[in-house]
Amino acid sequence: MTLKTAQSPMMMQWSHCKKKAKDALLLFRLGDFYEAFYDDAQRLSEAVDVTLTQRQGIPMSGVPAHAAEGYIEKLVEKGY
């Protein structure tokens, strides 16, 4: 995972949470979606077949909050 040196407050919060989560796939609530960033975005994209994109050079993927339970069930079934 490569972190940019100048992080937004939101990405600083994500980084703090990710340090606690360690190797767990971290889903971070942003509005109507649960988002994953960096390596977690790639893992989420592959595991549940969602689009991998990027914003400001940061890989990201996400699932709608209203449907998160179904995606989380799939992740748990796959060992996440």
PDB file of N, CA and C in Angstrom:
ATOM      1  N   MET A   1       0.858  -1.163   0.000  1.00  0.00           N
ATOM      2  CA  MET A   1       0.000   0.000   0.000  1.00  0.00           C
ATOM      3  C   MET A   1       0.904   1.226   0.000  1.00  0.00           C
ATOM      4  N   THR A   2       0.676   2.110  -0.955  1.00  0.00           N
ATOM      5  CA  THR A   2       1.450   3.336  -1.042  1.00  0.00           C
ATOM      6  C   THR A   2       0.554   4.505  -0.675  1.00  0.00           C
ATOM      7  N   LEU A   3       0.897   5.218   0.380  1.00  0.00           N
ATOM      8  CA  LEU A   3       0.113   6.363   0.807  1.00  0.00           C
ATOM      9  C   LEU A   3       0.785   7.643   0.346  1.00  0.00           C
ATOM     10  N   LYS A   4       0.001   8.568  -0.173  1.00  0.00           N
ATOM     11  CA  LYS A   4       0.542   9.865  -0.548  1.00  0.00           C
ATOM     12  C   LYS A   4       0.966  10.607   0.717  1.00  0.00           C
ATOM     13  N   THR A   5       1.933  11.500   0.578  1.00  0.00           N
ATOM     14  CA  THR A   5       2.431  12.205   1.747  1.00  0.00           C
ATOM     15  C   THR A   5       1.416  13.201   2.288  1.00  0.00           C
ATOM     16  N   ALA A   6       0.694  13.906   1.421  1.00  0.00           N
ATOM     17  CA  ALA A   6      -0.305  14.882   1.871  1.00  0.00           C
ATOM     18  C   ALA A   6      -1.679  14.238   1.775  1.00  0.00           C
ATOM     19  N   GLN A   7      -2.237  13.872   2.911  1.00  0.00           N
ATOM     20  CA  GLN A   7      -3.529  13.186   2.931  1.00  0.00           C
ATOM     21  C   GLN A   7      -4.626  14.147   3.364  1.00  0.00           C
ATOM     22  N   SER A   8      -5.818  13.925   2.797  1.00  0.00           N
ATOM     23  CA  SER A   8      -6.988  14.666   3.256  1.00  0.00           C
ATOM     24  C   SER A   8      -7.348  14.181   4.658  1.00  0.00           C
ATOM     25  N   PRO A   9      -8.139  14.956   5.399  1.00  0.00           N
ATOM     26  CA  PRO A   9      -8.569  14.490   6.725  1.00  0.00           C
ATOM     27  C   PRO A   9      -9.294  13.145   6.664  1.00  0.00           C
ATOM     28  N   MET A  10     -10.082  12.926   5.620  1.00  0.00           N
ATOM     29  CA  MET A  10     -10.796  11.653   5.496  1.00  0.00           C
ATOM     30  C   MET A  10      -9.819  10.502   5.301  1.00  0.00           C
ATOM     31  N   MET A  11      -8.804  10.691   4.453  1.00  0.00           N
ATOM     32  CA  MET A  11      -7.833   9.623   4.232  1.00  0.00           C
ATOM     33  C   MET A  11      -6.931   9.434   5.448  1.00  0.00           C
ATOM     34  N   MET A  12      -6.724  10.473   6.215  1.00  0.00           N
ATOM     35  CA  MET A  12      -5.989  10.317   7.473  1.00  0.00           C
ATOM     36  C   MET A  12      -6.792   9.444   8.430  1.00  0.00           C
ATOM     37  N   GLN A  13      -8.113   9.659   8.481  1.00  0.00           N
ATOM     38  CA  GLN A  13      -8.968   8.830   9.320  1.00  0.00           C
ATOM     39  C   GLN A  13      -8.960   7.394   8.816  1.00  0.00           C
ATOM     40  N   TRP A  14      -9.049   7.204   7.509  1.00  0.00           N
ATOM     41  CA  TRP A  14      -9.001   5.862   6.932  1.00  0.00           C
ATOM     42  C   TRP A  14      -7.678   5.181   7.310  1.00  0.00           C
ATOM     43  N   SER A  15      -6.560   5.908   7.166  1.00  0.00           N
ATOM     44  CA  SER A  15      -5.247   5.342   7.490  1.00  0.00           C
ATOM     45  C   SER A  15      -5.178   4.894   8.947  1.00  0.00           C
ATOM     46  N   HIS A  16      -5.738   5.696   9.838  1.00  0.00           N
ATOM     47  CA  HIS A  16      -5.768   5.350  11.264  1.00  0.00           C
ATOM     48  C   HIS A  16      -6.569   4.061  11.479  1.00  0.00           C
ATOM     49  N   CYS A  17      -7.720   3.970  10.838  1.00  0.00           N
ATOM     50  CA  CYS A  17      -8.556   2.758  10.961  1.00  0.00           C
ATOM     51  C   CYS A  17      -7.862   1.551  10.347  1.00  0.00           C
ATOM     52  N   LYS A  18      -7.196   1.749   9.212  1.00  0.00           N
ATOM     53  CA  LYS A  18      -6.530   0.641   8.534  1.00  0.00           C
ATOM     54  C   LYS A  18      -5.387   0.099   9.378  1.00  0.00           C
ATOM     55  N   LYS A  19      -4.671   0.970  10.080  1.00  0.00           N
ATOM     56  CA  LYS A  19      -3.608   0.494  10.969  1.00  0.00           C
ATOM     57  C   LYS A  19      -4.168  -0.437  12.039  1.00  0.00           C
ATOM     58  N   LYS A  20      -5.343  -0.121  12.549  1.00  0.00           N
ATOM     59  CA  LYS A  20      -5.985  -0.980  13.549  1.00  0.00           C
ATOM     60  C   LYS A  20      -6.493  -2.277  12.921  1.00  0.00           C
ATOM     61  N   ALA A  21      -7.004  -2.194  11.680  1.00  0.00           N
ATOM     62  CA  ALA A  21      -7.594  -3.354  11.007  1.00  0.00           C
ATOM     63  C   ALA A  21      -6.522  -4.317  10.489  1.00  0.00           C
ATOM     64  N   LYS A  22      -5.293  -3.828  10.310  1.00  0.00           N
ATOM     65  CA  LYS A  22      -4.165  -4.618   9.814  1.00  0.00           C
ATOM     66  C   LYS A  22      -4.504  -5.293   8.496  1.00  0.00           C
ATOM     67  N   ASP A  23      -4.521  -6.625   8.457  1.00  0.00           N
ATOM     68  CA  ASP A  23      -4.741  -7.350   7.203  1.00  0.00           C
ATOM     69  C   ASP A  23      -6.211  -7.537   6.849  1.00  0.00           C
ATOM     70  N   ALA A  24      -7.105  -7.135   7.732  1.00  0.00           N
ATOM     71  CA  ALA A  24      -8.535  -7.264   7.431  1.00  0.00           C
ATOM     72  C   ALA A  24      -8.924  -6.319   6.304  1.00  0.00           C
ATOM     73  N   LEU A  25      -9.875  -6.715   5.509  1.00  0.00           N
ATOM     74  CA  LEU A  25     -10.396  -5.852   4.451  1.00  0.00           C
ATOM     75  C   LEU A  25     -11.270  -4.795   5.111  1.00  0.00           C
ATOM     76  N   LEU A  26     -10.884  -3.542   4.968  1.00  0.00           N
ATOM     77  CA  LEU A  26     -11.580  -2.442   5.627  1.00  0.00           C
ATOM     78  C   LEU A  26     -12.585  -1.795   4.685  1.00  0.00           C
ATOM     79  N   LEU A  27     -13.842  -1.777   5.099  1.00  0.00           N
ATOM     80  CA  LEU A  27     -14.897  -1.061   4.371  1.00  0.00           C
ATOM     81  C   LEU A  27     -15.185   0.200   5.164  1.00  0.00           C
ATOM     82  N   PHE A  28     -15.058   1.342   4.509  1.00  0.00           N
ATOM     83  CA  PHE A  28     -15.136   2.653   5.149  1.00  0.00           C
ATOM     84  C   PHE A  28     -16.376   3.369   4.629  1.00  0.00           C
ATOM     85  N   ARG A  29     -17.300   3.719   5.522  1.00  0.00           N
ATOM     86  CA  ARG A  29     -18.570   4.331   5.119  1.00  0.00           C
ATOM     87  C   ARG A  29     -18.358   5.760   4.628  1.00  0.00           C
ATOM     88  N   LEU A  30     -18.783   6.004   3.379  1.00  0.00           N
ATOM     89  CA  LEU A  30     -18.758   7.337   2.778  1.00  0.00           C
ATOM     90  C   LEU A  30     -20.113   7.570   2.133  1.00  0.00           C
ATOM     91  N   GLY A  31     -20.949   8.332   2.785  1.00  0.00           N
ATOM     92  CA  GLY A  31     -22.275   8.605   2.220  1.00  0.00           C
ATOM     93  C   GLY A  31     -23.083   7.336   2.075  1.00  0.00           C
ATOM     94  N   ASP A  32     -23.507   7.060   0.854  1.00  0.00           N
ATOM     95  CA  ASP A  32     -24.359   5.903   0.574  1.00  0.00           C
ATOM     96  C   ASP A  32     -23.584   4.637   0.230  1.00  0.00           C
ATOM     97  N   PHE A  33     -22.264   4.656   0.398  1.00  0.00           N
ATOM     98  CA  PHE A  33     -21.434   3.513   0.031  1.00  0.00           C
ATOM     99  C   PHE A  33     -20.470   3.145   1.152  1.00  0.00           C
ATOM    100  N   TYR A  34     -20.065   1.884   1.134  1.00  0.00           N
ATOM    101  CA  TYR A  34     -18.924   1.415   1.899  1.00  0.00           C
ATOM    102  C   TYR A  34     -17.788   1.279   0.895  1.00  0.00           C
ATOM    103  N   GLU A  35     -16.728   2.030   1.095  1.00  0.00           N
ATOM    104  CA  GLU A  35     -15.613   2.072   0.157  1.00  0.00           C
ATOM    105  C   GLU A  35     -14.392   1.359   0.715  1.00  0.00           C
ATOM    106  N   ALA A  36     -13.611   0.802  -0.196  1.00  0.00           N
ATOM    107  CA  ALA A  36     -12.308   0.229   0.123  1.00  0.00           C
ATOM    108  C   ALA A  36     -11.268   0.964  -0.714  1.00  0.00           C
ATOM    109  N   PHE A  37     -10.057   1.094  -0.181  1.00  0.00           N
ATOM    110  CA  PHE A  37      -9.000   1.835  -0.857  1.00  0.00           C
ATOM    111  C   PHE A  37      -7.737   0.990  -0.969  1.00  0.00           C
ATOM    112  N   TYR A  38      -6.885   1.372  -1.916  1.00  0.00           N
ATOM    113  CA  TYR A  38      -5.585   0.741  -2.135  1.00  0.00           C
ATOM    114  C   TYR A  38      -5.744  -0.771  -2.350  1.00  0.00           C
ATOM    115  N   ASP A  39      -4.937  -1.588  -1.661  1.00  0.00           N
ATOM    116  CA  ASP A  39      -4.974  -3.039  -1.850  1.00  0.00           C
ATOM    117  C   ASP A  39      -6.346  -3.618  -1.497  1.00  0.00           C
ATOM    118  N   ASP A  40      -7.002  -3.050  -0.490  1.00  0.00           N
ATOM    119  CA  ASP A  40      -8.335  -3.524  -0.121  1.00  0.00           C
ATOM    120  C   ASP A  40      -9.319  -3.333  -1.268  1.00  0.00           C
ATOM    121  N   ALA A  41      -9.169  -2.268  -2.030  1.00  0.00           N
ATOM    122  CA  ALA A  41     -10.060  -2.019  -3.174  1.00  0.00           C
ATOM    123  C   ALA A  41      -9.901  -3.122  -4.207  1.00  0.00           C
ATOM    124  N   GLN A  42      -8.669  -3.513  -4.481  1.00  0.00           N
ATOM    125  CA  GLN A  42      -8.407  -4.595  -5.427  1.00  0.00           C
ATOM    126  C   GLN A  42      -9.009  -5.903  -4.918  1.00  0.00           C
ATOM    127  N   ARG A  43      -8.791  -6.193  -3.645  1.00  0.00           N
ATOM    128  CA  ARG A  43      -9.318  -7.431  -3.064  1.00  0.00           C
ATOM    129  C   ARG A  43     -10.841  -7.445  -3.096  1.00  0.00           C
ATOM    130  N   LEU A  44     -11.487  -6.318  -2.739  1.00  0.00           N
ATOM    131  CA  LEU A  44     -12.945  -6.240  -2.769  1.00  0.00           C
ATOM    132  C   LEU A  44     -13.467  -6.426  -4.176  1.00  0.00           C
ATOM    133  N   SER A  45     -12.849  -5.752  -5.132  1.00  0.00           N
ATOM    134  CA  SER A  45     -13.263  -5.835  -6.525  1.00  0.00           C
ATOM    135  C   SER A  45     -13.251  -7.273  -7.033  1.00  0.00           C
ATOM    136  N   GLU A  46     -12.175  -7.977  -6.741  1.00  0.00           N
ATOM    137  CA  GLU A  46     -12.048  -9.368  -7.187  1.00  0.00           C
ATOM    138  C   GLU A  46     -12.984 -10.305  -6.437  1.00  0.00           C
ATOM    139  N   ALA A  47     -13.165 -10.075  -5.156  1.00  0.00           N
ATOM    140  CA  ALA A  47     -13.938 -11.003  -4.324  1.00  0.00           C
ATOM    141  C   ALA A  47     -15.432 -10.960  -4.615  1.00  0.00           C
ATOM    142  N   VAL A  48     -15.977  -9.761  -4.879  1.00  0.00           N
ATOM    143  CA  VAL A  48     -17.430  -9.653  -5.057  1.00  0.00           C
ATOM    144  C   VAL A  48     -17.809  -9.027  -6.397  1.00  0.00           C
ATOM    145  N   ASP A  49     -16.838  -8.954  -7.309  1.00  0.00           N
ATOM    146  CA  ASP A  49     -17.083  -8.500  -8.678  1.00  0.00           C
ATOM    147  C   ASP A  49     -17.708  -7.105  -8.743  1.00  0.00           C
ATOM    148  N   VAL A  50     -17.047  -6.143  -8.096  1.00  0.00           N
ATOM    149  CA  VAL A  50     -17.450  -4.741  -8.210  1.00  0.00           C
ATOM    150  C   VAL A  50     -16.333  -3.999  -8.952  1.00  0.00           C
ATOM    151  N   THR A  51     -16.673  -2.854  -9.492  1.00  0.00           N
ATOM    152  CA  THR A  51     -15.741  -2.089 -10.309  1.00  0.00           C
ATOM    153  C   THR A  51     -14.607  -1.514  -9.479  1.00  0.00           C
ATOM    154  N   LEU A  52     -13.397  -1.674  -9.982  1.00  0.00           N
ATOM    155  CA  LEU A  52     -12.219  -1.044  -9.395  1.00  0.00           C
ATOM    156  C   LEU A  52     -11.980   0.246 -10.166  1.00  0.00           C
ATOM    157  N   THR A  53     -11.905   1.341  -9.461  1.00  0.00           N
ATOM    158  CA  THR A  53     -11.693   2.643 -10.081  1.00  0.00           C
ATOM    159  C   THR A  53     -10.603   3.363  -9.309  1.00  0.00           C
ATOM    160  N   GLN A  54     -10.432   4.631  -9.575  1.00  0.00           N
ATOM    161  CA  GLN A  54      -9.496   5.414  -8.787  1.00  0.00           C
ATOM    162  C   GLN A  54      -9.897   6.877  -8.798  1.00  0.00           C
ATOM    163  N   ARG A  55      -9.520   7.543  -7.750  1.00  0.00           N
ATOM    164  CA  ARG A  55      -9.738   8.986  -7.631  1.00  0.00           C
ATOM    165  C   ARG A  55      -8.446   9.573  -7.080  1.00  0.00           C
ATOM    166  N   GLN A  56      -7.950  10.580  -7.758  1.00  0.00           N
ATOM    167  CA  GLN A  56      -6.690  11.234  -7.377  1.00  0.00           C
ATOM    168  C   GLN A  56      -5.568  10.216  -7.205  1.00  0.00           C
ATOM    169  N   GLY A  57      -5.563   9.222  -8.088  1.00  0.00           N
ATOM    170  CA  GLY A  57      -4.514   8.210  -8.073  1.00  0.00           C
ATOM    171  C   GLY A  57      -4.652   7.134  -7.019  1.00  0.00           C
ATOM    172  N   ILE A  58      -5.735   7.146  -6.258  1.00  0.00           N
ATOM    173  CA  ILE A  58      -5.951   6.154  -5.199  1.00  0.00           C
ATOM    174  C   ILE A  58      -6.952   5.113  -5.685  1.00  0.00           C
ATOM    175  N   PRO A  59      -6.553   3.828  -5.792  1.00  0.00           N
ATOM    176  CA  PRO A  59      -7.499   2.786  -6.172  1.00  0.00           C
ATOM    177  C   PRO A  59      -8.625   2.705  -5.156  1.00  0.00           C
ATOM    178  N   MET A  60      -9.855   2.527  -5.654  1.00  0.00           N
ATOM    179  CA  MET A  60     -11.007   2.414  -4.761  1.00  0.00           C
ATOM    180  C   MET A  60     -12.094   1.571  -5.412  1.00  0.00           C
ATOM    181  N   SER A  61     -12.877   0.940  -4.579  1.00  0.00           N
ATOM    182  CA  SER A  61     -14.069   0.211  -5.007  1.00  0.00           C
ATOM    183  C   SER A  61     -15.042   0.247  -3.840  1.00  0.00           C
ATOM    184  N   GLY A  62     -16.311   0.067  -4.144  1.00  0.00           N
ATOM    185  CA  GLY A  62     -17.285   0.159  -3.070  1.00  0.00           C
ATOM    186  C   GLY A  62     -18.572  -0.583  -3.371  1.00  0.00           C
ATOM    187  N   VAL A  63     -19.367  -0.693  -2.321  1.00  0.00           N
ATOM    188  CA  VAL A  63     -20.679  -1.328  -2.433  1.00  0.00           C
ATOM    189  C   VAL A  63     -21.714  -0.392  -1.816  1.00  0.00           C
ATOM    190  N   PRO A  64     -22.931  -0.384  -2.361  1.00  0.00           N
ATOM    191  CA  PRO A  64     -23.977   0.473  -1.787  1.00  0.00           C
ATOM    192  C   PRO A  64     -24.298   0.050  -0.352  1.00  0.00           C
ATOM    193  N   ALA A  65     -24.465   1.026   0.519  1.00  0.00           N
ATOM    194  CA  ALA A  65     -24.743   0.737   1.929  1.00  0.00           C
ATOM    195  C   ALA A  65     -26.016  -0.081   2.092  1.00  0.00           C
ATOM    196  N   HIS A  66     -27.035   0.206   1.277  1.00  0.00           N
ATOM    197  CA  HIS A  66     -28.310  -0.516   1.426  1.00  0.00           C
ATOM    198  C   HIS A  66     -28.188  -1.992   1.052  1.00  0.00           C
ATOM    199  N   ALA A  67     -27.123  -2.356   0.323  1.00  0.00           N
ATOM    200  CA  ALA A  67     -26.926  -3.751  -0.089  1.00  0.00           C
ATOM    201  C   ALA A  67     -25.687  -4.367   0.567  1.00  0.00           C
ATOM    202  N   ALA A  68     -25.095  -3.676   1.515  1.00  0.00           N
ATOM    203  CA  ALA A  68     -23.824  -4.114   2.101  1.00  0.00           C
ATOM    204  C   ALA A  68     -23.910  -5.486   2.755  1.00  0.00           C
ATOM    205  N   GLU A  69     -25.013  -5.783   3.387  1.00  0.00           N
ATOM    206  CA  GLU A  69     -25.131  -7.065   4.094  1.00  0.00           C
ATOM    207  C   GLU A  69     -24.887  -8.246   3.157  1.00  0.00           C
ATOM    208  N   GLY A  70     -25.453  -8.202   1.963  1.00  0.00           N
ATOM    209  CA  GLY A  70     -25.254  -9.284   0.992  1.00  0.00           C
ATOM    210  C   GLY A  70     -23.798  -9.404   0.562  1.00  0.00           C
ATOM    211  N   TYR A  71     -23.147  -8.265   0.343  1.00  0.00           N
ATOM    212  CA  TYR A  71     -21.737  -8.281  -0.040  1.00  0.00           C
ATOM    213  C   TYR A  71     -20.875  -8.786   1.112  1.00  0.00           C
ATOM    214  N   ILE A  72     -21.204  -8.389   2.325  1.00  0.00           N
ATOM    215  CA  ILE A  72     -20.437  -8.834   3.488  1.00  0.00           C
ATOM    216  C   ILE A  72     -20.583 -10.339   3.674  1.00  0.00           C
ATOM    217  N   GLU A  73     -21.779 -10.855   3.445  1.00  0.00           N
ATOM    218  CA  GLU A  73     -21.975 -12.310   3.518  1.00  0.00           C
ATOM    219  C   GLU A  73     -21.069 -13.027   2.532  1.00  0.00           C
ATOM    220  N   LYS A  74     -20.973 -12.509   1.299  1.00  0.00           N
ATOM    221  CA  LYS A  74     -20.096 -13.113   0.289  1.00  0.00           C
ATOM    222  C   LYS A  74     -18.635 -13.050   0.733  1.00  0.00           C
ATOM    223  N   LEU A  75     -18.245 -11.912   1.311  1.00  0.00           N
ATOM    224  CA  LEU A  75     -16.862 -11.767   1.778  1.00  0.00           C
ATOM    225  C   LEU A  75     -16.552 -12.758   2.887  1.00  0.00           C
ATOM    226  N   VAL A  76     -17.472 -12.908   3.833  1.00  0.00           N
ATOM    227  CA  VAL A  76     -17.275 -13.846   4.942  1.00  0.00           C
ATOM    228  C   VAL A  76     -17.187 -15.277   4.411  1.00  0.00           C
ATOM    229  N   GLU A  77     -18.037 -15.624   3.452  1.00  0.00           N
ATOM    230  CA  GLU A  77     -17.991 -16.951   2.859  1.00  0.00           C
ATOM    231  C   GLU A  77     -16.636 -17.236   2.213  1.00  0.00           C
ATOM    232  N   LYS A  78     -15.982 -16.172   1.712  1.00  0.00           N
ATOM    233  CA  LYS A  78     -14.685 -16.313   1.052  1.00  0.00           C
ATOM    234  C   LYS A  78     -13.516 -16.150   2.017  1.00  0.00           C
ATOM    235  N   GLY A  79     -13.813 -16.033   3.314  1.00  0.00           N
ATOM    236  CA  GLY A  79     -12.767 -16.006   4.316  1.00  0.00           C
ATOM    237  C   GLY A  79     -12.273 -14.625   4.726  1.00  0.00           C
ATOM    238  N   TYR A  80     -12.967 -13.580   4.320  1.00  0.00           N
ATOM    239  CA  TYR A  80     -12.571 -12.224   4.721  1.00  0.00           C
ATOM    240  C   TYR A  80     -13.191 -11.870   6.051  1.00  0.00           C
TER     241      TYR A  80
END
